[in-house]
Amino acid sequence: MDGLGTLYGSAGIDSLPAVLMGSHTDVVGGDWLDGALGFAYALEAARVLRLGGAADFAAWSVVDWSDGSEDGRFGRLGLGLGLG
């Protein structure tokens, strides 16, 4: 976890370009589960990749951006990075 509350992890061969999977966490609006479900799907994909042996020939990272797409406590982080 970094200083902004972003969670991240990676697996596979470090020297390869990694597939980045993840979502944002927020509790704003009627679709408050969209980010949480996106992150849950990314975790499941990472689990399947690991169990399937993909770590022997591939790399991936999973990220949960905190307040990444809304005007949250850290500002418009995701929008400024083109992520929102």
PDB file of N, CA and C in Angstrom:
ATOM      1  N   MET A   1       0.857  -1.172   0.000  1.00  0.00           N
ATOM      2  CA  MET A   1       0.000   0.000   0.000  1.00  0.00           C
ATOM      3  C   MET A   1       0.905   1.237   0.000  1.00  0.00           C
ATOM      4  N   ASP A   2       0.553   2.197  -0.856  1.00  0.00           N
ATOM      5  CA  ASP A   2       1.327   3.424  -0.852  1.00  0.00           C
ATOM      6  C   ASP A   2       0.691   4.470   0.061  1.00  0.00           C
ATOM      7  N   GLY A   3       1.235   5.665   0.093  1.00  0.00           N
ATOM      8  CA  GLY A   3       0.769   6.712   0.976  1.00  0.00           C
ATOM      9  C   GLY A   3      -0.615   7.239   0.659  1.00  0.00           C
ATOM     10  N   LEU A   4      -1.115   6.959  -0.546  1.00  0.00           N
ATOM     11  CA  LEU A   4      -2.453   7.403  -0.941  1.00  0.00           C
ATOM     12  C   LEU A   4      -3.519   6.335  -0.706  1.00  0.00           C
ATOM     13  N   GLY A   5      -3.118   5.175  -0.238  1.00  0.00           N
ATOM     14  CA  GLY A   5      -4.075   4.099  -0.002  1.00  0.00           C
ATOM     15  C   GLY A   5      -4.247   3.168  -1.174  1.00  0.00           C
ATOM     16  N   THR A   6      -3.404   3.293  -2.192  1.00  0.00           N
ATOM     17  CA  THR A   6      -3.478   2.427  -3.367  1.00  0.00           C
ATOM     18  C   THR A   6      -2.844   1.084  -3.041  1.00  0.00           C
ATOM     19  N   LEU A   7      -3.574   0.010  -3.309  1.00  0.00           N
ATOM     20  CA  LEU A   7      -3.061  -1.344  -3.107  1.00  0.00           C
ATOM     21  C   LEU A   7      -2.584  -1.899  -4.428  1.00  0.00           C
ATOM     22  N   TYR A   8      -1.459  -2.584  -4.420  1.00  0.00           N
ATOM     23  CA  TYR A   8      -0.959  -3.161  -5.658  1.00  0.00           C
ATOM     24  C   TYR A   8      -0.136  -4.411  -5.354  1.00  0.00           C
ATOM     25  N   GLY A   9      -0.071  -5.265  -6.314  1.00  0.00           N
ATOM     26  CA  GLY A   9       0.718  -6.476  -6.209  1.00  0.00           C
ATOM     27  C   GLY A   9       1.012  -7.000  -7.595  1.00  0.00           C
ATOM     28  N   SER A  10       2.037  -7.822  -7.716  1.00  0.00           N
ATOM     29  CA  SER A  10       2.381  -8.367  -9.026  1.00  0.00           C
ATOM     30  C   SER A  10       2.874  -9.796  -8.878  1.00  0.00           C
ATOM     31  N   ALA A  11       2.890 -10.490 -10.005  1.00  0.00           N
ATOM     32  CA  ALA A  11       3.351 -11.876 -10.032  1.00  0.00           C
ATOM     33  C   ALA A  11       3.886 -12.183 -11.419  1.00  0.00           C
ATOM     34  N   GLY A  12       4.596 -13.247 -11.505  1.00  0.00           N
ATOM     35  CA  GLY A  12       5.143 -13.673 -12.785  1.00  0.00           C
ATOM     36  C   GLY A  12       6.600 -13.284 -12.929  1.00  0.00           C
ATOM     37  N   ILE A  13       7.068 -13.227 -14.158  1.00  0.00           N
ATOM     38  CA  ILE A  13       8.468 -12.948 -14.465  1.00  0.00           C
ATOM     39  C   ILE A  13       8.688 -11.433 -14.464  1.00  0.00           C
ATOM     40  N   ASP A  14       9.529 -10.956 -13.548  1.00  0.00           N
ATOM     41  CA  ASP A  14       9.719  -9.512 -13.363  1.00  0.00           C
ATOM     42  C   ASP A  14      10.264  -8.800 -14.594  1.00  0.00           C
ATOM     43  N   SER A  15      11.012  -9.469 -15.449  1.00  0.00           N
ATOM     44  CA  SER A  15      11.644  -8.815 -16.591  1.00  0.00           C
ATOM     45  C   SER A  15      10.698  -8.639 -17.782  1.00  0.00           C
ATOM     46  N   LEU A  16       9.494  -9.201 -17.721  1.00  0.00           N
ATOM     47  CA  LEU A  16       8.528  -9.071 -18.810  1.00  0.00           C
ATOM     48  C   LEU A  16       7.585  -7.899 -18.576  1.00  0.00           C
ATOM     49  N   PRO A  17       7.080  -7.299 -19.647  1.00  0.00           N
ATOM     50  CA  PRO A  17       6.010  -6.306 -19.467  1.00  0.00           C
ATOM     51  C   PRO A  17       4.807  -6.992 -18.827  1.00  0.00           C
ATOM     52  N   ALA A  18       4.170  -6.301 -17.896  1.00  0.00           N
ATOM     53  CA  ALA A  18       3.056  -6.899 -17.162  1.00  0.00           C
ATOM     54  C   ALA A  18       1.719  -6.398 -17.678  1.00  0.00           C
ATOM     55  N   VAL A  19       0.731  -7.275 -17.655  1.00  0.00           N
ATOM     56  CA  VAL A  19      -0.647  -6.884 -17.896  1.00  0.00           C
ATOM     57  C   VAL A  19      -1.144  -6.247 -16.612  1.00  0.00           C
ATOM     58  N   LEU A  20      -1.701  -5.044 -16.707  1.00  0.00           N
ATOM     59  CA  LEU A  20      -2.199  -4.326 -15.535  1.00  0.00           C
ATOM     60  C   LEU A  20      -3.703  -4.509 -15.438  1.00  0.00           C
ATOM     61  N   MET A  21      -4.167  -5.021 -14.300  1.00  0.00           N
ATOM     62  CA  MET A  21      -5.596  -5.253 -14.071  1.00  0.00           C
ATOM     63  C   MET A  21      -5.980  -4.547 -12.785  1.00  0.00           C
ATOM     64  N   GLY A  22      -7.197  -4.067 -12.709  1.00  0.00           N
ATOM     65  CA  GLY A  22      -7.640  -3.466 -11.469  1.00  0.00           C
ATOM     66  C   GLY A  22      -8.795  -2.514 -11.663  1.00  0.00           C
ATOM     67  N   SER A  23      -9.038  -1.733 -10.635  1.00  0.00           N
ATOM     68  CA  SER A  23     -10.148  -0.799 -10.648  1.00  0.00           C
ATOM     69  C   SER A  23      -9.911   0.236  -9.561  1.00  0.00           C
ATOM     70  N   HIS A  24     -10.927   1.019  -9.271  1.00  0.00           N
ATOM     71  CA  HIS A  24     -10.840   2.048  -8.247  1.00  0.00           C
ATOM     72  C   HIS A  24     -11.807   1.718  -7.119  1.00  0.00           C
ATOM     73  N   THR A  25     -11.578   2.336  -5.977  1.00  0.00           N
ATOM     74  CA  THR A  25     -12.467   2.173  -4.836  1.00  0.00           C
ATOM     75  C   THR A  25     -13.078   3.527  -4.510  1.00  0.00           C
ATOM     76  N   ASP A  26     -14.376   3.592  -4.485  1.00  0.00           N
ATOM     77  CA  ASP A  26     -15.062   4.797  -4.047  1.00  0.00           C
ATOM     78  C   ASP A  26     -16.442   4.414  -3.541  1.00  0.00           C
ATOM     79  N   VAL A  27     -17.075   5.337  -2.884  1.00  0.00           N
ATOM     80  CA  VAL A  27     -18.422   5.096  -2.355  1.00  0.00           C
ATOM     81  C   VAL A  27     -19.339   6.243  -2.772  1.00  0.00           C
ATOM     82  N   VAL A  28     -19.163   6.726  -3.988  1.00  0.00           N
ATOM     83  CA  VAL A  28     -19.906   7.876  -4.484  1.00  0.00           C
ATOM     84  C   VAL A  28     -20.950   7.414  -5.490  1.00  0.00           C
ATOM     85  N   GLY A  29     -22.169   7.918  -5.356  1.00  0.00           N
ATOM     86  CA  GLY A  29     -23.196   7.662  -6.358  1.00  0.00           C
ATOM     87  C   GLY A  29     -23.881   6.316  -6.208  1.00  0.00           C
ATOM     88  N   GLY A  30     -24.798   6.054  -7.133  1.00  0.00           N
ATOM     89  CA  GLY A  30     -25.598   4.841  -7.094  1.00  0.00           C
ATOM     90  C   GLY A  30     -24.861   3.586  -7.512  1.00  0.00           C
ATOM     91  N   ASP A  31     -23.754   3.725  -8.243  1.00  0.00           N
ATOM     92  CA  ASP A  31     -22.986   2.564  -8.707  1.00  0.00           C
ATOM     93  C   ASP A  31     -21.753   2.359  -7.850  1.00  0.00           C
ATOM     94  N   TRP A  32     -21.922   2.406  -6.541  1.00  0.00           N
ATOM     95  CA  TRP A  32     -20.786   2.368  -5.637  1.00  0.00           C
ATOM     96  C   TRP A  32     -20.022   1.049  -5.664  1.00  0.00           C
ATOM     97  N   LEU A  33     -20.604  -0.011  -6.190  1.00  0.00           N
ATOM     98  CA  LEU A  33     -19.899  -1.285  -6.261  1.00  0.00           C
ATOM     99  C   LEU A  33     -19.103  -1.472  -7.546  1.00  0.00           C
ATOM    100  N   ASP A  34     -19.196  -0.537  -8.499  1.00  0.00           N
ATOM    101  CA  ASP A  34     -18.521  -0.755  -9.774  1.00  0.00           C
ATOM    102  C   ASP A  34     -17.024  -0.950  -9.596  1.00  0.00           C
ATOM    103  N   GLY A  35     -16.372  -0.126  -8.789  1.00  0.00           N
ATOM    104  CA  GLY A  35     -14.941  -0.272  -8.575  1.00  0.00           C
ATOM    105  C   GLY A  35     -14.586  -1.520  -7.787  1.00  0.00           C
ATOM    106  N   ALA A  36     -15.358  -1.801  -6.743  1.00  0.00           N
ATOM    107  CA  ALA A  36     -15.097  -2.982  -5.919  1.00  0.00           C
ATOM    108  C   ALA A  36     -15.251  -4.261  -6.731  1.00  0.00           C
ATOM    109  N   LEU A  37     -16.267  -4.321  -7.569  1.00  0.00           N
ATOM    110  CA  LEU A  37     -16.459  -5.510  -8.401  1.00  0.00           C
ATOM    111  C   LEU A  37     -15.357  -5.633  -9.445  1.00  0.00           C
ATOM    112  N   GLY A  38     -14.934  -4.506 -10.006  1.00  0.00           N
ATOM    113  CA  GLY A  38     -13.830  -4.537 -10.966  1.00  0.00           C
ATOM    114  C   GLY A  38     -12.558  -5.072 -10.343  1.00  0.00           C
ATOM    115  N   PHE A  39     -12.274  -4.658  -9.112  1.00  0.00           N
ATOM    116  CA  PHE A  39     -11.088  -5.149  -8.424  1.00  0.00           C
ATOM    117  C   PHE A  39     -11.232  -6.623  -8.072  1.00  0.00           C
ATOM    118  N   ALA A  40     -12.430  -7.039  -7.659  1.00  0.00           N
ATOM    119  CA  ALA A  40     -12.665  -8.455  -7.357  1.00  0.00           C
ATOM    120  C   ALA A  40     -12.440  -9.317  -8.596  1.00  0.00           C
ATOM    121  N   TYR A  41     -12.894  -8.846  -9.757  1.00  0.00           N
ATOM    122  CA  TYR A  41     -12.672  -9.592 -11.001  1.00  0.00           C
ATOM    123  C   TYR A  41     -11.186  -9.677 -11.331  1.00  0.00           C
ATOM    124  N   ALA A  42     -10.449  -8.588 -11.089  1.00  0.00           N
ATOM    125  CA  ALA A  42      -9.009  -8.599 -11.342  1.00  0.00           C
ATOM    126  C   ALA A  42      -8.298  -9.595 -10.421  1.00  0.00           C
ATOM    127  N   LEU A  43      -8.705  -9.633  -9.149  1.00  0.00           N
ATOM    128  CA  LEU A  43      -8.120 -10.617  -8.224  1.00  0.00           C
ATOM    129  C   LEU A  43      -8.412 -12.042  -8.666  1.00  0.00           C
ATOM    130  N   GLU A  44      -9.626 -12.277  -9.136  1.00  0.00           N
ATOM    131  CA  GLU A  44      -9.979 -13.621  -9.607  1.00  0.00           C
ATOM    132  C   GLU A  44      -9.170 -13.990 -10.843  1.00  0.00           C
ATOM    133  N   ALA A  45      -8.995 -13.044 -11.750  1.00  0.00           N
ATOM    134  CA  ALA A  45      -8.180 -13.311 -12.939  1.00  0.00           C
ATOM    135  C   ALA A  45      -6.743 -13.632 -12.540  1.00  0.00           C
ATOM    136  N   ALA A  46      -6.194 -12.891 -11.567  1.00  0.00           N
ATOM    137  CA  ALA A  46      -4.836 -13.157 -11.096  1.00  0.00           C
ATOM    138  C   ALA A  46      -4.741 -14.540 -10.457  1.00  0.00           C
ATOM    139  N   ARG A  47      -5.768 -14.918  -9.710  1.00  0.00           N
ATOM    140  CA  ARG A  47      -5.786 -16.247  -9.081  1.00  0.00           C
ATOM    141  C   ARG A  47      -5.777 -17.347 -10.135  1.00  0.00           C
ATOM    142  N   VAL A  48      -6.598 -17.187 -11.165  1.00  0.00           N
ATOM    143  CA  VAL A  48      -6.677 -18.184 -12.239  1.00  0.00           C
ATOM    144  C   VAL A  48      -5.351 -18.252 -13.007  1.00  0.00           C
ATOM    145  N   LEU A  49      -4.743 -17.106 -13.272  1.00  0.00           N
ATOM    146  CA  LEU A  49      -3.444 -17.099 -13.949  1.00  0.00           C
ATOM    147  C   LEU A  49      -2.405 -17.859 -13.134  1.00  0.00           C
ATOM    148  N   ARG A  50      -2.381 -17.596 -11.837  1.00  0.00           N
ATOM    149  CA  ARG A  50      -1.395 -18.269 -10.974  1.00  0.00           C
ATOM    150  C   ARG A  50      -1.642 -19.773 -10.916  1.00  0.00           C
ATOM    151  N   LEU A  51      -2.887 -20.172 -10.684  1.00  0.00           N
ATOM    152  CA  LEU A  51      -3.203 -21.605 -10.600  1.00  0.00           C
ATOM    153  C   LEU A  51      -2.979 -22.309 -11.936  1.00  0.00           C
ATOM    154  N   GLY A  52      -3.154 -21.578 -13.027  1.00  0.00           N
ATOM    155  CA  GLY A  52      -2.949 -22.168 -14.353  1.00  0.00           C
ATOM    156  C   GLY A  52      -1.496 -22.243 -14.780  1.00  0.00           C
ATOM    157  N   GLY A  53      -0.587 -21.748 -13.965  1.00  0.00           N
ATOM    158  CA  GLY A  53       0.837 -21.836 -14.273  1.00  0.00           C
ATOM    159  C   GLY A  53       1.367 -20.704 -15.136  1.00  0.00           C
ATOM    160  N   ALA A  54       0.600 -19.632 -15.300  1.00  0.00           N
ATOM    161  CA  ALA A  54       1.030 -18.535 -16.164  1.00  0.00           C
ATOM    162  C   ALA A  54       2.265 -17.805 -15.628  1.00  0.00           C
ATOM    163  N   ALA A  55       2.543 -17.930 -14.340  1.00  0.00           N
ATOM    164  CA  ALA A  55       3.703 -17.248 -13.765  1.00  0.00           C
ATOM    165  C   ALA A  55       5.016 -17.777 -14.327  1.00  0.00           C
ATOM    166  N   ASP A  56       4.978 -18.909 -15.022  1.00  0.00           N
ATOM    167  CA  ASP A  56       6.185 -19.478 -15.628  1.00  0.00           C
ATOM    168  C   ASP A  56       6.550 -18.803 -16.943  1.00  0.00           C
ATOM    169  N   PHE A  57       5.595 -18.042 -17.540  1.00  0.00           N
ATOM    170  CA  PHE A  57       5.878 -17.444 -18.851  1.00  0.00           C
ATOM    171  C   PHE A  57       5.255 -16.056 -19.042  1.00  0.00           C
ATOM    172  N   ALA A  58       4.658 -15.477 -18.015  1.00  0.00           N
ATOM    173  CA  ALA A  58       3.974 -14.192 -18.155  1.00  0.00           C
ATOM    174  C   ALA A  58       4.148 -13.365 -16.874  1.00  0.00           C
ATOM    175  N   ALA A  59       3.632 -12.135 -16.926  1.00  0.00           N
ATOM    176  CA  ALA A  59       3.658 -11.255 -15.749  1.00  0.00           C
ATOM    177  C   ALA A  59       2.367 -10.457 -15.699  1.00  0.00           C
ATOM    178  N   TRP A  60       1.900 -10.138 -14.498  1.00  0.00           N
ATOM    179  CA  TRP A  60       0.710  -9.325 -14.339  1.00  0.00           C
ATOM    180  C   TRP A  60       0.770  -8.575 -13.026  1.00  0.00           C
ATOM    181  N   SER A  61       0.017  -7.491 -12.963  1.00  0.00           N
ATOM    182  CA  SER A  61      -0.094  -6.678 -11.756  1.00  0.00           C
ATOM    183  C   SER A  61      -1.564  -6.377 -11.511  1.00  0.00           C
ATOM    184  N   VAL A  62      -1.934  -6.298 -10.249  1.00  0.00           N
ATOM    185  CA  VAL A  62      -3.299  -5.961  -9.853  1.00  0.00           C
ATOM    186  C   VAL A  62      -3.221  -4.695  -8.995  1.00  0.00           C
ATOM    187  N   VAL A  63      -4.073  -3.712  -9.314  1.00  0.00           N
ATOM    188  CA  VAL A  63      -4.047  -2.428  -8.618  1.00  0.00           C
ATOM    189  C   VAL A  63      -5.460  -2.037  -8.214  1.00  0.00           C
ATOM    190  N   ASP A  64      -5.590  -1.498  -7.000  1.00  0.00           N
ATOM    191  CA  ASP A  64      -6.839  -0.906  -6.519  1.00  0.00           C
ATOM    192  C   ASP A  64      -6.535   0.548  -6.195  1.00  0.00           C
ATOM    193  N   TRP A  65      -6.908   1.450  -7.111  1.00  0.00           N
ATOM    194  CA  TRP A  65      -6.669   2.873  -6.902  1.00  0.00           C
ATOM    195  C   TRP A  65      -7.665   3.412  -5.889  1.00  0.00           C
ATOM    196  N   SER A  66      -7.180   4.055  -4.859  1.00  0.00           N
ATOM    197  CA  SER A  66      -8.045   4.663  -3.862  1.00  0.00           C
ATOM    198  C   SER A  66      -8.504   6.017  -4.368  1.00  0.00           C
ATOM    199  N   ASP A  67      -9.821   6.228  -4.398  1.00  0.00           N
ATOM    200  CA  ASP A  67     -10.398   7.485  -4.876  1.00  0.00           C
ATOM    201  C   ASP A  67      -9.913   7.821  -6.275  1.00  0.00           C
ATOM    202  N   GLY A  68      -9.764   6.833  -7.119  1.00  0.00           N
ATOM    203  CA  GLY A  68      -9.150   7.041  -8.420  1.00  0.00           C
ATOM    204  C   GLY A  68      -9.993   7.721  -9.463  1.00  0.00           C
ATOM    205  N   SER A  69     -11.304   7.753  -9.340  1.00  0.00           N
ATOM    206  CA  SER A  69     -12.079   8.323 -10.433  1.00  0.00           C
ATOM    207  C   SER A  69     -13.053   9.402  -9.997  1.00  0.00           C
ATOM    208  N   GLU A  70     -13.110   9.696  -8.737  1.00  0.00           N
ATOM    209  CA  GLU A  70     -14.052  10.684  -8.224  1.00  0.00           C
ATOM    210  C   GLU A  70     -13.284  11.816  -7.557  1.00  0.00           C
ATOM    211  N   ASP A  71     -13.958  12.892  -7.239  1.00  0.00           N
ATOM    212  CA  ASP A  71     -13.345  13.960  -6.454  1.00  0.00           C
ATOM    213  C   ASP A  71     -13.293  13.505  -5.010  1.00  0.00           C
ATOM    214  N   GLY A  72     -12.319  12.706  -4.681  1.00  0.00           N
ATOM    215  CA  GLY A  72     -12.193  12.154  -3.343  1.00  0.00           C
ATOM    216  C   GLY A  72     -11.236  12.963  -2.493  1.00  0.00           C
ATOM    217  N   ARG A  73     -10.804  12.367  -1.434  1.00  0.00           N
ATOM    218  CA  ARG A  73      -9.961  13.088  -0.474  1.00  0.00           C
ATOM    219  C   ARG A  73      -8.603  13.461  -1.050  1.00  0.00           C
ATOM    220  N   PHE A  74      -8.182  12.832  -2.164  1.00  0.00           N
ATOM    221  CA  PHE A  74      -6.897  13.144  -2.775  1.00  0.00           C
ATOM    222  C   PHE A  74      -7.047  13.903  -4.083  1.00  0.00           C
ATOM    223  N   GLY A  75      -8.231  14.381  -4.403  1.00  0.00           N
ATOM    224  CA  GLY A  75      -8.429  15.116  -5.647  1.00  0.00           C
ATOM    225  C   GLY A  75      -8.789  14.197  -6.798  1.00  0.00           C
ATOM    226  N   ARG A  76      -8.598  14.682  -7.996  1.00  0.00           N
ATOM    227  CA  ARG A  76      -9.007  13.969  -9.197  1.00  0.00           C
ATOM    228  C   ARG A  76      -7.840  13.159  -9.755  1.00  0.00           C
ATOM    229  N   LEU A  77      -7.333  12.211  -8.977  1.00  0.00           N
ATOM    230  CA  LEU A  77      -6.135  11.452  -9.360  1.00  0.00           C
ATOM    231  C   LEU A  77      -6.314  10.692 -10.665  1.00  0.00           C
ATOM    232  N   GLY A  78      -7.343   9.879 -10.728  1.00  0.00           N
ATOM    233  CA  GLY A  78      -7.544   9.041 -11.910  1.00  0.00           C
ATOM    234  C   GLY A  78      -7.840   9.850 -13.154  1.00  0.00           C
ATOM    235  N   LEU A  79      -8.606  10.903 -13.023  1.00  0.00           N
ATOM    236  CA  LEU A  79      -8.938  11.719 -14.182  1.00  0.00           C
ATOM    237  C   LEU A  79      -7.695  12.409 -14.727  1.00  0.00           C
ATOM    238  N   GLY A  80      -6.818  12.845 -13.860  1.00  0.00           N
ATOM    239  CA  GLY A  80      -5.588  13.488 -14.297  1.00  0.00           C
ATOM    240  C   GLY A  80      -4.650  12.538 -15.013  1.00  0.00           C
ATOM    241  N   LEU A  81      -4.760  11.262 -14.717  1.00  0.00           N
ATOM    242  CA  LEU A  81      -3.926  10.254 -15.364  1.00  0.00           C
ATOM    243  C   LEU A  81      -4.625   9.580 -16.525  1.00  0.00           C
ATOM    244  N   GLY A  82      -5.825  10.030 -16.851  1.00  0.00           N
ATOM    245  CA  GLY A  82      -6.565   9.402 -17.928  1.00  0.00           C
ATOM    246  C   GLY A  82      -7.185   8.091 -17.531  1.00  0.00           C
ATOM    247  N   LEU A  83      -7.357   7.840 -16.237  1.00  0.00           N
ATOM    248  CA  LEU A  83      -7.872   6.566 -15.761  1.00  0.00           C
ATOM    249  C   LEU A  83      -9.346   6.615 -15.432  1.00  0.00           C
ATOM    250  N   GLY A  84      -9.941   7.795 -15.327  1.00  0.00           N
ATOM    251  CA  GLY A  84     -11.326   7.903 -14.900  1.00  0.00           C
ATOM    252  C   GLY A  84     -12.274   8.141 -16.027  1.00  0.00           C
TER     253      GLY A  84
END
